[in-house]
Amino acid sequence: MKLALNLASGYVDALETLIAAYGRIADLLPRFDRPSAGFTENHDVQQVLAIVYADILAFHEGAYKSTQGPG
């Protein structure tokens, strides 16, 4: 029983950490509207923004895969 409670506690802690990370990402996303709209002709800025969004998608993919296992 103690092992089961320890495992469950670990999952809750991991989920809380994941939710906090998504919260930080959500807090920062509105800041990307300004350079995106202001530099529509600047391909270097658009490339940097594309990399940032790709990193966010990669984070989400990893988070999704980590929650889709047995247990």
Protein backbone atom coordinates (compact mmCIF):
# COMPACT_ATOMS: atom_id res chain seq x y z
CA MET A 1 0.00 0.00 0.00
CA LYS A 2 2.82 2.39 0.85
CA LEU A 3 4.43 1.73 -2.54
CA ALA A 4 1.15 2.46 -4.33
CA LEU A 5 0.77 5.75 -2.45
CA ASN A 6 4.35 6.75 -3.24
CA LEU A 7 3.82 6.00 -6.93
CA ALA A 8 0.55 7.93 -7.00
CA SER A 9 2.21 10.87 -5.27
CA GLY A 10 4.94 10.87 -7.91
CA TYR A 11 2.36 11.03 -10.69
CA VAL A 12 0.57 13.92 -9.02
CA ASP A 13 3.85 15.80 -8.60
CA ALA A 14 4.75 15.21 -12.25
CA LEU A 15 1.32 16.37 -13.40
CA GLU A 16 1.54 19.52 -11.28
CA THR A 17 4.96 20.27 -12.77
CA LEU A 18 3.58 19.75 -16.26
CA ILE A 19 0.63 22.04 -15.60
CA ALA A 20 2.96 24.71 -14.20
CA ALA A 21 5.11 24.49 -17.35
CA TYR A 22 2.04 24.90 -19.57
CA GLY A 23 1.06 27.90 -17.45
CA ARG A 24 4.45 29.54 -18.03
CA ILE A 25 4.18 28.89 -21.76
CA ALA A 26 0.68 30.39 -21.82
CA ASP A 27 1.90 33.48 -19.98
CA LEU A 28 4.56 34.09 -22.62
CA LEU A 29 2.59 33.40 -25.80
CA PRO A 30 0.86 36.80 -26.03
CA ARG A 31 4.29 38.45 -26.21
CA PHE A 32 4.93 36.74 -29.55
CA ASP A 33 2.07 38.54 -31.27
CA ARG A 34 3.96 41.82 -31.35
CA PRO A 35 7.08 40.69 -33.21
CA SER A 36 5.02 38.39 -35.40
CA ALA A 37 2.78 41.23 -36.56
CA GLY A 38 5.48 43.89 -36.62
CA PHE A 39 8.02 41.96 -38.63
CA THR A 40 5.93 40.21 -41.27
CA GLU A 41 8.50 41.09 -43.94
CA ASN A 42 11.54 40.14 -41.84
CA HIS A 43 12.21 36.50 -42.59
CA ASP A 44 14.87 36.20 -39.87
CA VAL A 45 12.37 37.16 -37.15
CA GLN A 46 9.76 34.87 -38.67
CA GLN A 47 12.30 32.02 -38.65
CA VAL A 48 13.08 32.58 -34.97
CA LEU A 49 9.37 32.60 -34.13
CA ALA A 50 8.90 29.38 -36.11
CA ILE A 51 11.67 27.75 -34.06
CA VAL A 52 10.03 28.88 -30.81
CA TYR A 53 6.66 27.49 -31.88
CA ALA A 54 8.31 24.24 -33.02
CA ASP A 55 9.93 23.92 -29.59
CA ILE A 56 6.55 24.42 -27.92
CA LEU A 57 5.07 21.71 -30.13
CA ALA A 58 7.96 19.37 -29.31
CA PHE A 59 7.38 20.00 -25.60
CA HIS A 60 3.70 19.22 -26.03
CA GLU A 61 4.50 16.04 -27.94
CA GLY A 62 6.80 14.87 -25.15
CA ALA A 63 4.22 15.72 -22.51
CA TYR A 64 1.53 13.86 -24.44
CA LYS A 65 3.69 10.78 -24.91
CA SER A 66 4.63 10.73 -21.23
CA THR A 67 0.97 10.60 -20.25
CA GLN A 68 0.02 7.93 -22.77
CA GLY A 69 1.72 4.93 -21.26
CA PRO A 70 0.58 2.05 -19.14
CA GLY A 71 -0.26 2.84 -15.56
